[in-house]
Structures are given as C-alpha cells and as structure tokens.
Amino acid sequence: MSPAHPITALFLDIGGVLLTDGWGLDYRTLAARTFDLDPVELESRHHQAFDTYETGKLSLDEYLARVVFHRQRAFTPVQFREFMFAQSRPHPEMLDLVRRLKAKYALKLIVVSNEGRELNAHRIQAFGLDRLADAFISSCYVHLRKPDPDIFRLALDVTQTPAGQIIYIENTPMFVTIAEGLGIRSILHTSYQATRAELAQAGLVEDQP
C-alpha cells in the first residue's frame, strides 16, 4: 500500500473490526442452546429473514416474530432481545487506534456496515461510536447492504473525498475486493497488529498514549 496520496478518511466496518459481530453464527448457536431452540430451524428461518431486517425493511420485533416467535415459547421477546444485545463486545485496541489516528490526522471516519436498526442503535450508543464516526452508512438506514457496490458509492458521495484518499478496514474478503474495485484502498482486517502496521505503511502512524 503506497502512501503516495495522503489519507484523509477511513471507512470502517463495525462487526469484526471495532466490535464483535452483531448477530453472528456463534451467537445464534449459543441462543439455540440457551433457549432450547432447534438450531437447524433457527438458522433456516434466520437466513430467510435477516437480509430484509438488515436493509431496514423489518423491525427487530418483526424479525423475531418470523424467526423465533412463530410458535409459543417459554421466554419473552424482551428476554431474547436482551440476549442478542448482550453478545456485543468492543475491540478496545482498535477503537483506541482509530480514535488516536482521527485526532492526529483530522480524518473523516465513516462507518460502512451491514447492521439491523435496533442492533445498530444499541451498539452505537453502548460503545460510543457516535462520538467516533462522522457518519453511519448502515444498511438499515440506506436500504443497501454489502456486497452491493452502491453502498460504497453512497459512502463516497457522503464523504466527498476522492477514493484514493480513503482506506477501508473490513474483515470480509469479498467486501474488500468490491471496495478495491471502486478505487478504495482497503485493509483486510485480521488482527490489531496487522492493521496497525498496514495503516502505518500508508502514512497513518499513531501517537502512543
């Protein structure tokens, strides 16, 4: 990654980069065990409904009615929602790295993420992402989701920054490839240390706390 053009903005994924996944397979498997659900049925119904939820066309209550509460349960939707929200955890080193780089280089920070509305709102508030990012191009708000390249085009329009001055940090290889196809320099996030080193190669060297 060449630092020939100064980087003035970062595009950031949330799940797997700044925080744990919002509602990944491991959490659904845990939910099936915790609430004594059929894991095969849960996964099948999840895949039928989740894309619609992530693009903001279903509420979380509607998603749960289709996926979990299509039959009588011994627990309530509130209990299940609380379980879902409780699975989110921060990646403190990445959050601190991005904060320091933003302060040092006056970077624009744009979240480009596939997130359902209620999970997104919880994660933004619980982990202070509203104090970090300048805009949220979240699938639930813009009714587009990765891998649709239009979500990246929208982020470019909102940012008003040339693609060559942006670095995108993402943990899904396909999404990295799509962003790079639009001229956005990208880092496939595998660890804090590796991403920190790649950012430094691009000219974004953090000040130590």
Protein backbone atom coordinates (compact mmCIF):
# COMPACT_ATOMS: atom_id res chain seq x y z
CA MET A 1 0.00 0.00 0.00
CA SER A 2 1.70 3.18 -1.17
CA PRO A 3 1.41 6.45 0.81
CA ALA A 4 1.67 8.46 -2.46
CA HIS A 5 -1.70 10.12 -1.76
CA PRO A 6 -2.39 11.44 1.74
CA ILE A 7 -5.18 9.58 3.52
CA THR A 8 -7.91 11.93 4.68
CA ALA A 9 -10.73 9.49 5.51
CA LEU A 10 -11.31 5.99 6.85
CA PHE A 11 -14.23 3.74 6.01
CA LEU A 12 -14.79 1.27 8.84
CA ASP A 13 -16.79 -1.88 9.31
CA ILE A 14 -18.20 -2.44 12.80
CA GLY A 15 -18.63 -6.18 13.30
CA GLY A 16 -15.28 -7.95 13.40
CA VAL A 17 -13.31 -4.67 13.32
CA LEU A 18 -14.44 -2.23 16.02
CA LEU A 19 -16.75 -4.64 17.85
CA THR A 20 -17.66 -8.30 17.78
CA ASP A 21 -20.29 -9.35 15.26
CA GLY A 22 -23.79 -8.14 15.98
CA TRP A 23 -25.65 -11.42 15.45
CA GLY A 24 -23.24 -13.96 14.01
CA LEU A 25 -23.48 -17.73 13.71
CA ASP A 26 -21.73 -18.35 17.04
CA TYR A 27 -24.31 -16.21 18.83
CA ARG A 28 -27.22 -17.90 17.09
CA THR A 29 -25.79 -21.29 18.06
CA LEU A 30 -25.48 -20.10 21.65
CA ALA A 31 -29.06 -18.77 21.53
CA ALA A 32 -30.32 -22.16 20.36
CA ARG A 33 -28.65 -23.82 23.35
CA THR A 34 -29.68 -21.13 25.84
CA PHE A 35 -33.33 -21.03 24.81
CA ASP A 36 -33.67 -24.71 23.77
CA LEU A 37 -34.39 -23.92 20.13
CA ASP A 38 -33.98 -26.20 17.13
CA PRO A 39 -30.69 -24.87 15.68
CA VAL A 40 -31.43 -26.06 12.15
CA GLU A 41 -34.84 -24.38 12.10
CA LEU A 42 -33.43 -21.23 13.70
CA GLU A 43 -30.69 -20.96 11.10
CA SER A 44 -33.05 -21.64 8.19
CA ARG A 45 -35.58 -19.03 9.29
CA HIS A 46 -32.80 -16.56 10.10
CA HIS A 47 -31.45 -16.73 6.55
CA GLN A 48 -34.93 -16.22 5.12
CA ALA A 49 -35.50 -13.03 7.13
CA PHE A 50 -32.20 -11.43 8.08
CA ASP A 51 -31.31 -9.66 4.83
CA THR A 52 -34.70 -7.94 4.96
CA TYR A 53 -34.08 -6.91 8.57
CA GLU A 54 -30.58 -5.61 7.83
CA THR A 55 -31.84 -3.43 4.99
CA GLY A 56 -34.31 -1.74 7.34
CA LYS A 57 -37.47 -3.32 5.94
CA LEU A 58 -38.30 -5.29 9.09
CA SER A 59 -38.16 -4.20 12.70
CA LEU A 60 -36.37 -6.42 15.19
CA ASP A 61 -39.75 -7.43 16.62
CA GLU A 62 -40.89 -8.47 13.14
CA TYR A 63 -37.66 -10.39 12.55
CA LEU A 64 -38.06 -12.24 15.86
CA ALA A 65 -41.72 -12.98 15.15
CA ARG A 66 -40.68 -14.73 11.93
CA VAL A 67 -37.57 -16.47 13.22
CA VAL A 68 -38.24 -17.32 16.89
CA PHE A 69 -41.76 -16.44 17.98
CA HIS A 70 -43.68 -18.11 15.17
CA ARG A 71 -44.74 -20.55 17.91
CA GLN A 72 -45.35 -20.32 21.66
CA ARG A 73 -42.17 -20.00 23.71
CA ALA A 74 -41.34 -20.25 27.41
CA PHE A 75 -39.48 -16.93 27.21
CA THR A 76 -40.41 -13.46 26.02
CA PRO A 77 -39.25 -11.36 23.07
CA VAL A 78 -37.75 -8.91 25.59
CA GLN A 79 -35.60 -11.66 27.08
CA PHE A 80 -34.41 -12.73 23.66
CA ARG A 81 -33.63 -9.16 22.61
CA GLU A 82 -31.60 -8.65 25.78
CA PHE A 83 -29.64 -11.80 24.98
CA MET A 84 -28.92 -10.55 21.45
CA PHE A 85 -27.74 -7.16 22.66
CA ALA A 86 -25.57 -8.69 25.38
CA GLN A 87 -23.41 -10.54 22.85
CA SER A 88 -21.78 -7.37 21.52
CA ARG A 89 -18.30 -6.66 22.88
CA PRO A 90 -15.77 -3.95 21.99
CA HIS A 91 -12.34 -4.43 20.47
CA PRO A 92 -10.67 -1.77 22.66
CA GLU A 93 -7.31 -1.70 20.85
CA MET A 94 -8.97 -1.00 17.50
CA LEU A 95 -11.27 1.63 18.97
CA ASP A 96 -8.31 3.38 20.61
CA LEU A 97 -6.21 3.16 17.44
CA VAL A 98 -8.91 4.75 15.32
CA ARG A 99 -9.53 7.48 17.90
CA ARG A 100 -5.85 8.40 18.02
CA LEU A 101 -5.48 8.43 14.23
CA LYS A 102 -8.58 10.58 13.83
CA ALA A 103 -7.25 13.12 16.33
CA LYS A 104 -3.73 13.22 14.88
CA TYR A 105 -4.65 13.43 11.19
CA ALA A 106 -8.11 15.08 11.37
CA LEU A 107 -9.56 12.13 9.49
CA LYS A 108 -13.16 11.75 8.41
CA LEU A 109 -14.48 8.46 9.82
CA ILE A 110 -17.38 6.83 8.01
CA VAL A 111 -18.92 3.56 9.16
CA VAL A 112 -19.98 1.31 6.26
CA SER A 113 -21.74 -1.61 7.87
CA ASN A 114 -24.45 -4.23 7.50
CA GLU A 115 -26.49 -3.80 10.68
CA GLY A 116 -30.14 -4.08 11.66
CA ARG A 117 -31.62 -0.88 13.08
CA GLU A 118 -32.11 -1.86 16.71
CA LEU A 119 -28.81 -3.72 16.98
CA ASN A 120 -27.06 -0.83 15.26
CA ALA A 121 -28.58 1.74 17.63
CA HIS A 122 -27.64 -0.34 20.67
CA ARG A 123 -24.07 -0.79 19.51
CA ILE A 124 -23.61 2.88 18.58
CA GLN A 125 -24.82 4.07 21.98
CA ALA A 126 -23.31 1.33 24.17
CA PHE A 127 -19.80 1.71 22.75
CA GLY A 128 -19.75 5.43 21.97
CA LEU A 129 -19.47 5.02 18.23
CA ASP A 130 -21.47 8.23 17.76
CA ARG A 131 -18.53 10.06 19.34
CA LEU A 132 -16.11 8.39 16.95
CA ALA A 133 -17.72 8.29 13.50
CA ASP A 134 -18.80 11.27 11.42
CA ALA A 135 -21.50 9.33 9.54
CA PHE A 136 -23.09 5.90 9.52
CA ILE A 137 -23.75 4.34 6.14
CA SER A 138 -25.56 1.47 7.81
CA SER A 139 -27.59 -0.96 5.73
CA CYS A 140 -30.67 -0.36 7.88
CA TYR A 141 -30.58 3.37 7.12
CA VAL A 142 -29.71 3.36 3.43
CA HIS A 143 -31.59 0.17 2.37
CA LEU A 144 -28.46 -1.20 0.73
CA ARG A 145 -26.16 -3.86 2.10
CA LYS A 146 -22.75 -5.18 1.27
CA PRO A 147 -21.83 -6.75 -1.15
CA ASP A 148 -23.87 -4.26 -3.21
CA PRO A 149 -21.24 -1.80 -4.51
CA ASP A 150 -23.81 1.01 -4.35
CA ILE A 151 -23.37 1.20 -0.58
CA PHE A 152 -19.73 2.13 -1.15
CA ARG A 153 -20.67 4.60 -3.88
CA LEU A 154 -23.09 6.23 -1.44
CA ALA A 155 -20.36 6.42 1.21
CA LEU A 156 -18.09 8.13 -1.32
CA ASP A 157 -20.83 10.64 -2.14
CA VAL A 158 -21.46 11.38 1.53
CA THR A 159 -17.77 11.68 2.33
CA GLN A 160 -16.96 13.91 -0.66
CA THR A 161 -13.43 12.55 -0.62
CA PRO A 162 -11.57 11.02 -3.59
CA ALA A 163 -11.41 7.23 -3.37
CA GLY A 164 -7.61 7.36 -3.47
CA GLN A 165 -7.55 9.30 -0.20
CA ILE A 166 -9.60 6.70 1.69
CA ILE A 167 -8.68 3.48 3.45
CA TYR A 168 -11.40 0.94 4.16
CA ILE A 169 -10.91 -1.52 7.05
CA GLU A 170 -13.03 -4.67 6.71
CA ASN A 171 -12.80 -8.30 7.85
CA THR A 172 -14.71 -9.90 4.94
CA PRO A 173 -12.52 -10.62 1.90
CA MET A 174 -15.33 -10.20 -0.67
CA PHE A 175 -16.20 -6.74 0.61
CA VAL A 176 -12.54 -5.70 0.46
CA THR A 177 -12.40 -6.81 -3.18
CA ILE A 178 -15.53 -4.82 -4.04
CA ALA A 179 -14.22 -1.65 -2.39
CA GLU A 180 -10.87 -2.01 -4.14
CA GLY A 181 -12.74 -2.36 -7.44
CA LEU A 182 -14.08 1.16 -6.84
CA GLY A 183 -10.58 2.51 -6.22
CA ILE A 184 -10.77 2.48 -2.41
CA ARG A 185 -7.57 1.26 -0.81
CA SER A 186 -8.55 -1.45 1.65
CA ILE A 187 -7.16 -3.45 4.54
CA LEU A 188 -8.41 -6.96 5.21
CA HIS A 189 -8.54 -6.84 8.99
CA THR A 190 -7.17 -9.97 10.66
CA SER A 191 -5.69 -8.51 13.82
CA TYR A 192 -4.98 -5.21 15.54
CA GLN A 193 -1.23 -5.54 14.99
CA ALA A 194 -1.52 -6.33 11.29
CA THR A 195 -3.98 -3.48 10.62
CA ARG A 196 -1.88 -1.04 12.64
CA ALA A 197 1.18 -1.97 10.55
CA GLU A 198 -0.69 -1.55 7.25
CA LEU A 199 -2.02 1.84 8.31
CA ALA A 200 1.49 2.92 9.22
CA GLN A 201 2.70 1.86 5.75
CA ALA A 202 0.03 4.15 4.32
CA GLY A 203 1.34 7.06 6.38
CA LEU A 204 -1.03 6.84 9.34
CA VAL A 205 1.30 6.37 12.30
CA GLU A 206 -0.34 6.63 15.70
CA ASP A 207 0.98 8.57 18.65
CA GLN A 208 1.34 6.24 21.59
CA PRO A 209 -0.93 7.06 24.55
